[in-house]
Amino acid sequence: MKVLVTGSAGFIGSALSLRLLARGDEVVGIDNLNDYYEVELKQARLA
């Protein structure tokens, strides 16, 4: 499937995207990378 995941750089969103990718889905992530907490951690998740 093609799945759109919002909050894709977030804690749950990043982990869910990896799970969906691992099972063969196509994932489109949406995130604004705001600075509510450290952006570096979000970028590391996205990597």
All heavy atoms as atom14 arrays in JSON, in Angstrom:
{
  "sequence": "MKVLVTGSAGFIGSALSLRLLARGDEVVGIDNLNDYYEVELKQARLA",
  "atom14_mask": [
    [1, 1, 1, 1, 1, 1, 1, 1, 0, 0, 0, 0, 0, 0],
    [1, 1, 1, 1, 1, 1, 1, 1, 1, 0, 0, 0, 0, 0],
    [1, 1, 1, 1, 1, 1, 1, 0, 0, 0, 0, 0, 0, 0],
    [1, 1, 1, 1, 1, 1, 1, 1, 0, 0, 0, 0, 0, 0],
    [1, 1, 1, 1, 1, 1, 1, 0, 0, 0, 0, 0, 0, 0],
    [1, 1, 1, 1, 1, 1, 1, 0, 0, 0, 0, 0, 0, 0],
    [1, 1, 1, 1, 0, 0, 0, 0, 0, 0, 0, 0, 0, 0],
    [1, 1, 1, 1, 1, 1, 0, 0, 0, 0, 0, 0, 0, 0],
    [1, 1, 1, 1, 1, 0, 0, 0, 0, 0, 0, 0, 0, 0],
    [1, 1, 1, 1, 0, 0, 0, 0, 0, 0, 0, 0, 0, 0],
    [1, 1, 1, 1, 1, 1, 1, 1, 1, 1, 1, 0, 0, 0],
    [1, 1, 1, 1, 1, 1, 1, 1, 0, 0, 0, 0, 0, 0],
    [1, 1, 1, 1, 0, 0, 0, 0, 0, 0, 0, 0, 0, 0],
    [1, 1, 1, 1, 1, 1, 0, 0, 0, 0, 0, 0, 0, 0],
    [1, 1, 1, 1, 1, 0, 0, 0, 0, 0, 0, 0, 0, 0],
    [1, 1, 1, 1, 1, 1, 1, 1, 0, 0, 0, 0, 0, 0],
    [1, 1, 1, 1, 1, 1, 0, 0, 0, 0, 0, 0, 0, 0],
    [1, 1, 1, 1, 1, 1, 1, 1, 0, 0, 0, 0, 0, 0],
    [1, 1, 1, 1, 1, 1, 1, 1, 1, 1, 1, 0, 0, 0],
    [1, 1, 1, 1, 1, 1, 1, 1, 0, 0, 0, 0, 0, 0],
    [1, 1, 1, 1, 1, 1, 1, 1, 0, 0, 0, 0, 0, 0],
    [1, 1, 1, 1, 1, 0, 0, 0, 0, 0, 0, 0, 0, 0],
    [1, 1, 1, 1, 1, 1, 1, 1, 1, 1, 1, 0, 0, 0],
    [1, 1, 1, 1, 0, 0, 0, 0, 0, 0, 0, 0, 0, 0],
    [1, 1, 1, 1, 1, 1, 1, 1, 0, 0, 0, 0, 0, 0],
    [1, 1, 1, 1, 1, 1, 1, 1, 1, 0, 0, 0, 0, 0],
    [1, 1, 1, 1, 1, 1, 1, 0, 0, 0, 0, 0, 0, 0],
    [1, 1, 1, 1, 1, 1, 1, 0, 0, 0, 0, 0, 0, 0],
    [1, 1, 1, 1, 0, 0, 0, 0, 0, 0, 0, 0, 0, 0],
    [1, 1, 1, 1, 1, 1, 1, 1, 0, 0, 0, 0, 0, 0],
    [1, 1, 1, 1, 1, 1, 1, 1, 0, 0, 0, 0, 0, 0],
    [1, 1, 1, 1, 1, 1, 1, 1, 0, 0, 0, 0, 0, 0],
    [1, 1, 1, 1, 1, 1, 1, 1, 0, 0, 0, 0, 0, 0],
    [1, 1, 1, 1, 1, 1, 1, 1, 0, 0, 0, 0, 0, 0],
    [1, 1, 1, 1, 1, 1, 1, 1, 0, 0, 0, 0, 0, 0],
    [1, 1, 1, 1, 1, 1, 1, 1, 1, 1, 1, 1, 0, 0],
    [1, 1, 1, 1, 1, 1, 1, 1, 1, 1, 1, 1, 0, 0],
    [1, 1, 1, 1, 1, 1, 1, 1, 1, 0, 0, 0, 0, 0],
    [1, 1, 1, 1, 1, 1, 1, 0, 0, 0, 0, 0, 0, 0],
    [1, 1, 1, 1, 1, 1, 1, 1, 1, 0, 0, 0, 0, 0],
    [1, 1, 1, 1, 1, 1, 1, 1, 0, 0, 0, 0, 0, 0],
    [1, 1, 1, 1, 1, 1, 1, 1, 1, 0, 0, 0, 0, 0],
    [1, 1, 1, 1, 1, 1, 1, 1, 1, 0, 0, 0, 0, 0],
    [1, 1, 1, 1, 1, 0, 0, 0, 0, 0, 0, 0, 0, 0],
    [1, 1, 1, 1, 1, 1, 1, 1, 1, 1, 1, 0, 0, 0],
    [1, 1, 1, 1, 1, 1, 1, 1, 0, 0, 0, 0, 0, 0],
    [1, 1, 1, 1, 1, 0, 0, 0, 0, 0, 0, 0, 0, 0]
  ],
  "atom14_positions": [
    [[0.84, -1.19, 0.0], [0.0, 0.0, 0.0], [0.87, 1.24, 0.0], [2.04, 1.2, 0.36], [-0.89, 0.04, 1.25], [-1.92, -1.05, 1.34], [-2.97, -0.83, 2.79], [-1.79, -0.97, 4.13], [0.0, 0.0, 0.0], [0.0, 0.0, 0.0], [0.0, 0.0, 0.0], [0.0, 0.0, 0.0], [0.0, 0.0, 0.0], [0.0, 0.0, 0.0]],
    [[0.25, 2.36, -0.38], [0.89, 3.65, -0.16], [0.2, 4.28, 1.05], [-1.01, 4.49, 1.06], [0.74, 4.58, -1.38], [1.4, 5.94, -1.15], [1.19, 6.89, -2.32], [2.12, 6.55, -3.46], [2.07, 7.61, -4.52], [0.0, 0.0, 0.0], [0.0, 0.0, 0.0], [0.0, 0.0, 0.0], [0.0, 0.0, 0.0], [0.0, 0.0, 0.0]],
    [[1.0, 4.57, 2.09], [0.48, 5.09, 3.34], [1.08, 6.47, 3.61], [2.31, 6.64, 3.53], [0.82, 4.16, 4.52], [0.19, 4.68, 5.81], [0.34, 2.74, 4.24], [0.0, 0.0, 0.0], [0.0, 0.0, 0.0], [0.0, 0.0, 0.0], [0.0, 0.0, 0.0], [0.0, 0.0, 0.0], [0.0, 0.0, 0.0], [0.0, 0.0, 0.0]],
    [[0.24, 7.43, 3.91], [0.7, 8.74, 4.32], [0.75, 8.78, 5.85], [-0.25, 8.46, 6.5], [-0.22, 9.84, 3.79], [0.24, 11.29, 4.0], [-0.28, 12.18, 2.88], [-0.22, 11.85, 5.34], [0.0, 0.0, 0.0], [0.0, 0.0, 0.0], [0.0, 0.0, 0.0], [0.0, 0.0, 0.0], [0.0, 0.0, 0.0], [0.0, 0.0, 0.0]],
    [[1.91, 9.12, 6.4], [2.09, 9.19, 7.85], [2.44, 10.62, 8.23], [3.49, 11.13, 7.8], [3.2, 8.23, 8.33], [3.44, 8.38, 9.84], [2.85, 6.78, 7.99], [0.0, 0.0, 0.0], [0.0, 0.0, 0.0], [0.0, 0.0, 0.0], [0.0, 0.0, 0.0], [0.0, 0.0, 0.0], [0.0, 0.0, 0.0], [0.0, 0.0, 0.0]],
    [[1.59, 11.29, 8.99], [1.94, 12.63, 9.47], [2.64, 12.52, 10.82], [2.45, 11.56, 11.56], [0.69, 13.52, 9.62], [-0.08, 13.1, 10.76], [-0.18, 13.48, 8.36], [0.0, 0.0, 0.0], [0.0, 0.0, 0.0], [0.0, 0.0, 0.0], [0.0, 0.0, 0.0], [0.0, 0.0, 0.0], [0.0, 0.0, 0.0], [0.0, 0.0, 0.0]],
    [[3.5, 13.51, 11.11], [4.33, 13.4, 12.31], [5.43, 12.38, 12.1], [5.85, 11.69, 13.03], [0.0, 0.0, 0.0], [0.0, 0.0, 0.0], [0.0, 0.0, 0.0], [0.0, 0.0, 0.0], [0.0, 0.0, 0.0], [0.0, 0.0, 0.0], [0.0, 0.0, 0.0], [0.0, 0.0, 0.0], [0.0, 0.0, 0.0], [0.0, 0.0, 0.0]],
    [[5.93, 12.3, 10.86], [6.85, 11.23, 10.47], [8.24, 11.35, 11.08], [9.01, 10.39, 11.07], [6.96, 11.18, 8.95], [7.26, 12.47, 8.44], [0.0, 0.0, 0.0], [0.0, 0.0, 0.0], [0.0, 0.0, 0.0], [0.0, 0.0, 0.0], [0.0, 0.0, 0.0], [0.0, 0.0, 0.0], [0.0, 0.0, 0.0], [0.0, 0.0, 0.0]],
    [[8.58, 12.54, 11.6], [9.86, 12.7, 12.3], [9.68, 12.55, 13.81], [10.64, 12.67, 14.56], [10.49, 14.05, 11.98], [0.0, 0.0, 0.0], [0.0, 0.0, 0.0], [0.0, 0.0, 0.0], [0.0, 0.0, 0.0], [0.0, 0.0, 0.0], [0.0, 0.0, 0.0], [0.0, 0.0, 0.0], [0.0, 0.0, 0.0], [0.0, 0.0, 0.0]],
    [[8.45, 12.3, 14.23], [8.17, 12.14, 15.65], [8.51, 10.75, 16.14], [8.89, 9.85, 15.37], [0.0, 0.0, 0.0], [0.0, 0.0, 0.0], [0.0, 0.0, 0.0], [0.0, 0.0, 0.0], [0.0, 0.0, 0.0], [0.0, 0.0, 0.0], [0.0, 0.0, 0.0], [0.0, 0.0, 0.0], [0.0, 0.0, 0.0], [0.0, 0.0, 0.0]],
    [[8.37, 10.55, 17.43], [8.71, 9.29, 18.08], [7.93, 8.12, 17.48], [8.5, 7.16, 16.94], [8.44, 9.44, 19.58], [8.64, 8.21, 20.42], [9.56, 7.24, 20.07], [7.9, 8.03, 21.58], [9.76, 6.11, 20.86], [8.09, 6.92, 22.38], [9.01, 5.95, 22.02], [0.0, 0.0, 0.0], [0.0, 0.0, 0.0], [0.0, 0.0, 0.0]],
    [[6.6, 8.21, 17.53], [5.78, 7.11, 17.03], [5.77, 7.09, 15.51], [5.85, 6.03, 14.89], [4.34, 7.21, 17.58], [4.35, 7.16, 19.12], [3.48, 6.07, 17.03], [2.99, 7.38, 19.75], [0.0, 0.0, 0.0], [0.0, 0.0, 0.0], [0.0, 0.0, 0.0], [0.0, 0.0, 0.0], [0.0, 0.0, 0.0], [0.0, 0.0, 0.0]],
    [[5.69, 8.27, 14.89], [5.62, 8.33, 13.43], [6.83, 7.72, 12.74], [6.69, 7.01, 11.74], [0.0, 0.0, 0.0], [0.0, 0.0, 0.0], [0.0, 0.0, 0.0], [0.0, 0.0, 0.0], [0.0, 0.0, 0.0], [0.0, 0.0, 0.0], [0.0, 0.0, 0.0], [0.0, 0.0, 0.0], [0.0, 0.0, 0.0], [0.0, 0.0, 0.0]],
    [[8.01, 8.0, 13.27], [9.22, 7.44, 12.69], [9.26, 5.93, 12.84], [9.58, 5.19, 11.89], [10.44, 8.07, 13.36], [11.63, 7.45, 12.94], [0.0, 0.0, 0.0], [0.0, 0.0, 0.0], [0.0, 0.0, 0.0], [0.0, 0.0, 0.0], [0.0, 0.0, 0.0], [0.0, 0.0, 0.0], [0.0, 0.0, 0.0], [0.0, 0.0, 0.0]],
    [[8.94, 5.45, 14.04], [8.97, 4.01, 14.29], [7.92, 3.29, 13.45], [8.18, 2.19, 12.93], [8.74, 3.74, 15.78], [0.0, 0.0, 0.0], [0.0, 0.0, 0.0], [0.0, 0.0, 0.0], [0.0, 0.0, 0.0], [0.0, 0.0, 0.0], [0.0, 0.0, 0.0], [0.0, 0.0, 0.0], [0.0, 0.0, 0.0], [0.0, 0.0, 0.0]],
    [[6.73, 3.89, 13.31], [5.69, 3.27, 12.49], [6.11, 3.24, 11.02], [5.91, 2.23, 10.33], [4.38, 4.04, 12.63], [3.25, 3.53, 11.72], [2.84, 2.12, 12.1], [2.06, 4.48, 11.76], [0.0, 0.0, 0.0], [0.0, 0.0, 0.0], [0.0, 0.0, 0.0], [0.0, 0.0, 0.0], [0.0, 0.0, 0.0], [0.0, 0.0, 0.0]],
    [[6.7, 4.32, 10.53], [7.15, 4.36, 9.14], [8.14, 3.23, 8.86], [8.06, 2.55, 7.82], [7.79, 5.71, 8.82], [6.84, 6.76, 8.91], [0.0, 0.0, 0.0], [0.0, 0.0, 0.0], [0.0, 0.0, 0.0], [0.0, 0.0, 0.0], [0.0, 0.0, 0.0], [0.0, 0.0, 0.0], [0.0, 0.0, 0.0], [0.0, 0.0, 0.0]],
    [[9.06, 3.01, 9.79], [10.03, 1.92, 9.61], [9.34, 0.56, 9.57], [9.71, -0.31, 8.77], [11.06, 1.95, 10.74], [12.1, 3.08, 10.69], [12.89, 3.13, 11.98], [13.03, 2.89, 9.49], [0.0, 0.0, 0.0], [0.0, 0.0, 0.0], [0.0, 0.0, 0.0], [0.0, 0.0, 0.0], [0.0, 0.0, 0.0], [0.0, 0.0, 0.0]],
    [[8.35, 0.38, 10.41], [7.62, -0.9, 10.41], [6.87, -1.11, 9.09], [6.88, -2.21, 8.53], [6.65, -0.96, 11.59], [5.89, -2.28, 11.69], [5.07, -2.36, 12.95], [5.92, -2.58, 14.1], [6.26, -3.77, 14.58], [5.85, -4.86, 13.96], [7.02, -3.88, 15.65], [0.0, 0.0, 0.0], [0.0, 0.0, 0.0], [0.0, 0.0, 0.0]],
    [[6.23, -0.07, 8.6], [5.49, -0.18, 7.34], [6.43, -0.43, 6.17], [6.14, -1.22, 5.27], [4.66, 1.08, 7.11], [3.55, 1.37, 8.13], [2.88, 2.7, 7.82], [2.52, 0.24, 8.15], [0.0, 0.0, 0.0], [0.0, 0.0, 0.0], [0.0, 0.0, 0.0], [0.0, 0.0, 0.0], [0.0, 0.0, 0.0], [0.0, 0.0, 0.0]],
    [[7.57, 0.26, 6.17], [8.56, 0.06, 5.12], [9.11, -1.36, 5.15], [9.3, -2.0, 4.1], [9.69, 1.07, 5.27], [9.34, 2.53, 4.94], [10.4, 3.47, 5.5], [9.18, 2.72, 3.44], [0.0, 0.0, 0.0], [0.0, 0.0, 0.0], [0.0, 0.0, 0.0], [0.0, 0.0, 0.0], [0.0, 0.0, 0.0], [0.0, 0.0, 0.0]],
    [[9.34, -1.87, 6.35], [9.9, -3.22, 6.5], [8.95, -4.29, 5.95], [9.4, -5.34, 5.49], [10.22, -3.49, 7.96], [0.0, 0.0, 0.0], [0.0, 0.0, 0.0], [0.0, 0.0, 0.0], [0.0, 0.0, 0.0], [0.0, 0.0, 0.0], [0.0, 0.0, 0.0], [0.0, 0.0, 0.0], [0.0, 0.0, 0.0], [0.0, 0.0, 0.0]],
    [[7.65, -4.02, 6.0], [6.7, -5.01, 5.49], [6.38, -4.81, 4.01], [5.58, -5.55, 3.44], [5.43, -5.02, 6.33], [4.48, -3.87, 6.07], [3.23, -3.98, 6.93], [2.17, -3.11, 6.43], [0.95, -3.05, 6.97], [0.67, -3.8, 8.03], [0.04, -2.26, 6.45], [0.0, 0.0, 0.0], [0.0, 0.0, 0.0], [0.0, 0.0, 0.0]],
    [[6.98, -3.77, 3.4], [6.84, -3.6, 1.96], [5.97, -2.46, 1.5], [5.79, -2.26, 0.29], [0.0, 0.0, 0.0], [0.0, 0.0, 0.0], [0.0, 0.0, 0.0], [0.0, 0.0, 0.0], [0.0, 0.0, 0.0], [0.0, 0.0, 0.0], [0.0, 0.0, 0.0], [0.0, 0.0, 0.0], [0.0, 0.0, 0.0], [0.0, 0.0, 0.0]],
    [[5.41, -1.68, 2.42], [4.58, -0.55, 2.03], [5.43, 0.6, 1.51], [6.62, 0.72, 1.81], [3.75, -0.05, 3.21], [2.68, -1.05, 3.64], [2.25, -1.85, 2.8], [2.29, -1.03, 4.83], [0.0, 0.0, 0.0], [0.0, 0.0, 0.0], [0.0, 0.0, 0.0], [0.0, 0.0, 0.0], [0.0, 0.0, 0.0], [0.0, 0.0, 0.0]],
    [[4.78, 1.49, 0.76], [5.37, 2.75, 0.36], [4.86, 3.8, 1.33], [3.67, 3.84, 1.63], [4.96, 3.1, -1.07], [5.56, 4.39, -1.61], [5.15, 4.67, -3.04], [4.53, 3.77, -3.67], [5.41, 5.78, -3.53], [0.0, 0.0, 0.0], [0.0, 0.0, 0.0], [0.0, 0.0, 0.0], [0.0, 0.0, 0.0], [0.0, 0.0, 0.0]],
    [[5.75, 4.65, 1.83], [5.37, 5.63, 2.86], [5.71, 7.04, 2.4], [6.82, 7.3, 1.93], [6.08, 5.34, 4.2], [5.72, 6.41, 5.24], [5.69, 3.95, 4.72], [0.0, 0.0, 0.0], [0.0, 0.0, 0.0], [0.0, 0.0, 0.0], [0.0, 0.0, 0.0], [0.0, 0.0, 0.0], [0.0, 0.0, 0.0], [0.0, 0.0, 0.0]],
    [[4.73, 7.92, 2.54], [4.93, 9.35, 2.34], [4.82, 10.0, 3.72], [3.79, 9.89, 4.38], [3.89, 9.96, 1.39], [4.11, 11.48, 1.27], [3.96, 9.29, 0.04], [0.0, 0.0, 0.0], [0.0, 0.0, 0.0], [0.0, 0.0, 0.0], [0.0, 0.0, 0.0], [0.0, 0.0, 0.0], [0.0, 0.0, 0.0], [0.0, 0.0, 0.0]],
    [[5.9, 10.63, 4.18], [5.92, 11.24, 5.51], [5.68, 12.74, 5.43], [6.14, 13.4, 4.5], [0.0, 0.0, 0.0], [0.0, 0.0, 0.0], [0.0, 0.0, 0.0], [0.0, 0.0, 0.0], [0.0, 0.0, 0.0], [0.0, 0.0, 0.0], [0.0, 0.0, 0.0], [0.0, 0.0, 0.0], [0.0, 0.0, 0.0], [0.0, 0.0, 0.0]],
    [[4.97, 13.25, 6.42], [4.75, 14.7, 6.55], [5.16, 15.13, 7.94], [4.71, 14.55, 8.94], [3.27, 15.07, 6.3], [2.93, 14.95, 4.81], [2.97, 16.48, 6.8], [1.49, 15.29, 4.48], [0.0, 0.0, 0.0], [0.0, 0.0, 0.0], [0.0, 0.0, 0.0], [0.0, 0.0, 0.0], [0.0, 0.0, 0.0], [0.0, 0.0, 0.0]],
    [[6.02, 16.14, 8.01], [6.43, 16.7, 9.29], [6.94, 18.11, 9.06], [7.57, 18.39, 8.04], [7.52, 15.84, 9.95], [7.56, 16.0, 11.46], [7.92, 17.11, 11.93], [7.23, 15.04, 12.16], [0.0, 0.0, 0.0], [0.0, 0.0, 0.0], [0.0, 0.0, 0.0], [0.0, 0.0, 0.0], [0.0, 0.0, 0.0], [0.0, 0.0, 0.0]],
    [[6.67, 19.02, 10.01], [7.17, 20.4, 9.86], [8.46, 20.64, 10.63], [8.99, 21.75, 10.62], [6.1, 21.41, 10.29], [5.79, 21.37, 11.78], [6.27, 20.48, 12.5], [4.98, 22.31, 12.25], [0.0, 0.0, 0.0], [0.0, 0.0, 0.0], [0.0, 0.0, 0.0], [0.0, 0.0, 0.0], [0.0, 0.0, 0.0], [0.0, 0.0, 0.0]],
    [[8.95, 19.59, 11.33], [10.22, 19.69, 12.08], [10.24, 20.91, 13.0], [11.22, 21.66, 13.04], [11.41, 19.73, 11.11], [11.68, 18.45, 10.31], [12.78, 18.68, 9.28], [12.06, 17.31, 11.23], [0.0, 0.0, 0.0], [0.0, 0.0, 0.0], [0.0, 0.0, 0.0], [0.0, 0.0, 0.0], [0.0, 0.0, 0.0], [0.0, 0.0, 0.0]],
    [[9.16, 21.1, 13.75], [9.15, 22.25, 14.66], [10.1, 22.04, 15.83], [10.64, 20.95, 16.03], [7.72, 22.55, 15.14], [7.15, 21.47, 16.06], [7.88, 20.81, 16.79], [5.85, 21.29, 16.03], [0.0, 0.0, 0.0], [0.0, 0.0, 0.0], [0.0, 0.0, 0.0], [0.0, 0.0, 0.0], [0.0, 0.0, 0.0], [0.0, 0.0, 0.0]],
    [[10.32, 23.1, 16.59], [11.33, 23.05, 17.66], [10.71, 22.88, 19.05], [11.28, 23.34, 20.04], [12.2, 24.31, 17.62], [11.4, 25.6, 17.81], [10.14, 25.52, 17.94], [12.0, 26.68, 17.83], [0.0, 0.0, 0.0], [0.0, 0.0, 0.0], [0.0, 0.0, 0.0], [0.0, 0.0, 0.0], [0.0, 0.0, 0.0], [0.0, 0.0, 0.0]],
    [[9.57, 22.19, 19.13], [8.99, 21.89, 20.45], [10.0, 21.14, 21.31], [10.08, 21.33, 22.52], [7.71, 21.08, 20.27], [7.09, 20.59, 21.56], [6.58, 21.49, 22.49], [7.03, 19.24, 21.85], [6.02, 21.04, 23.69], [6.46, 18.78, 23.03], [5.97, 19.69, 23.94], [5.41, 19.24, 25.12], [0.0, 0.0, 0.0], [0.0, 0.0, 0.0]],
    [[10.78, 20.27, 20.69], [11.97, 19.69, 21.34], [13.06, 19.59, 20.28], [12.85, 19.95, 19.11], [11.68, 18.35, 22.02], [11.17, 17.24, 21.14], [12.02, 16.49, 20.36], [9.81, 16.93, 21.12], [11.56, 15.45, 19.57], [9.32, 15.91, 20.33], [10.2, 15.17, 19.56], [9.73, 14.15, 18.77], [0.0, 0.0, 0.0], [0.0, 0.0, 0.0]],
    [[14.22, 19.1, 20.64], [15.41, 19.19, 19.8], [15.2, 18.65, 18.38], [14.85, 17.49, 18.18], [16.59, 18.48, 20.46], [16.35, 17.02, 20.8], [17.43, 16.45, 21.7], [17.49, 16.84, 22.89], [18.22, 15.61, 21.22], [0.0, 0.0, 0.0], [0.0, 0.0, 0.0], [0.0, 0.0, 0.0], [0.0, 0.0, 0.0], [0.0, 0.0, 0.0]],
    [[15.43, 19.53, 17.4], [15.23, 19.18, 16.0], [16.25, 18.14, 15.55], [15.96, 17.3, 14.69], [15.31, 20.45, 15.12], [15.21, 20.08, 13.64], [14.21, 21.43, 15.5], [0.0, 0.0, 0.0], [0.0, 0.0, 0.0], [0.0, 0.0, 0.0], [0.0, 0.0, 0.0], [0.0, 0.0, 0.0], [0.0, 0.0, 0.0], [0.0, 0.0, 0.0]],
    [[17.43, 18.15, 16.14], [18.46, 17.19, 15.76], [17.99, 15.74, 15.95], [18.32, 14.87, 15.13], [19.74, 17.42, 16.57], [20.43, 18.74, 16.3], [19.78, 19.92, 17.02], [18.86, 19.69, 17.84], [20.19, 21.06, 16.75], [0.0, 0.0, 0.0], [0.0, 0.0, 0.0], [0.0, 0.0, 0.0], [0.0, 0.0, 0.0], [0.0, 0.0, 0.0]],
    [[17.24, 15.5, 17.01], [16.72, 14.15, 17.25], [15.72, 13.77, 16.16], [15.72, 12.63, 15.67], [16.08, 14.07, 18.63], [15.43, 12.73, 19.01], [16.45, 11.59, 18.95], [14.81, 12.81, 20.41], [0.0, 0.0, 0.0], [0.0, 0.0, 0.0], [0.0, 0.0, 0.0], [0.0, 0.0, 0.0], [0.0, 0.0, 0.0], [0.0, 0.0, 0.0]],
    [[14.87, 14.71, 15.77], [13.91, 14.44, 14.7], [14.62, 14.14, 13.39], [14.25, 13.23, 12.65], [12.97, 15.64, 14.53], [12.11, 15.94, 15.75], [11.2, 17.13, 15.52], [10.36, 17.42, 16.76], [9.42, 18.54, 16.56], [0.0, 0.0, 0.0], [0.0, 0.0, 0.0], [0.0, 0.0, 0.0], [0.0, 0.0, 0.0], [0.0, 0.0, 0.0]],
    [[15.66, 14.9, 13.1], [16.42, 14.67, 11.87], [17.13, 13.32, 11.9], [17.23, 12.64, 10.86], [17.43, 15.81, 11.68], [16.77, 17.15, 11.38], [17.75, 18.3, 11.4], [18.75, 18.27, 12.12], [17.46, 19.34, 10.63], [0.0, 0.0, 0.0], [0.0, 0.0, 0.0], [0.0, 0.0, 0.0], [0.0, 0.0, 0.0], [0.0, 0.0, 0.0]],
    [[17.6, 12.92, 13.06], [18.25, 11.61, 13.19], [17.24, 10.48, 12.97], [17.56, 9.45, 12.37], [18.9, 11.48, 14.56], [0.0, 0.0, 0.0], [0.0, 0.0, 0.0], [0.0, 0.0, 0.0], [0.0, 0.0, 0.0], [0.0, 0.0, 0.0], [0.0, 0.0, 0.0], [0.0, 0.0, 0.0], [0.0, 0.0, 0.0], [0.0, 0.0, 0.0]],
    [[16.01, 10.68, 13.46], [14.97, 9.68, 13.21], [14.69, 9.59, 11.71], [14.57, 8.49, 11.15], [13.69, 10.05, 13.95], [13.76, 10.0, 15.47], [12.36, 10.24, 16.01], [12.3, 10.44, 17.45], [11.73, 11.5, 18.03], [11.18, 12.45, 17.29], [11.7, 11.61, 19.35], [0.0, 0.0, 0.0], [0.0, 0.0, 0.0], [0.0, 0.0, 0.0]],
    [[14.58, 10.74, 11.07], [14.29, 10.77, 9.64], [15.38, 10.1, 8.82], [15.09, 9.47, 7.79], [14.13, 12.22, 9.15], [12.75, 12.86, 9.29], [12.79, 14.29, 8.76], [11.7, 12.05, 8.55], [0.0, 0.0, 0.0], [0.0, 0.0, 0.0], [0.0, 0.0, 0.0], [0.0, 0.0, 0.0], [0.0, 0.0, 0.0], [0.0, 0.0, 0.0]],
    [[16.62, 10.23, 9.26], [17.73, 9.63, 8.52], [17.53, 8.13, 8.35], [17.97, 7.54, 7.36], [19.05, 9.93, 9.23], [0.0, 0.0, 0.0], [0.0, 0.0, 0.0], [0.0, 0.0, 0.0], [0.0, 0.0, 0.0], [0.0, 0.0, 0.0], [0.0, 0.0, 0.0], [0.0, 0.0, 0.0], [0.0, 0.0, 0.0], [0.0, 0.0, 0.0]]
  ]
}
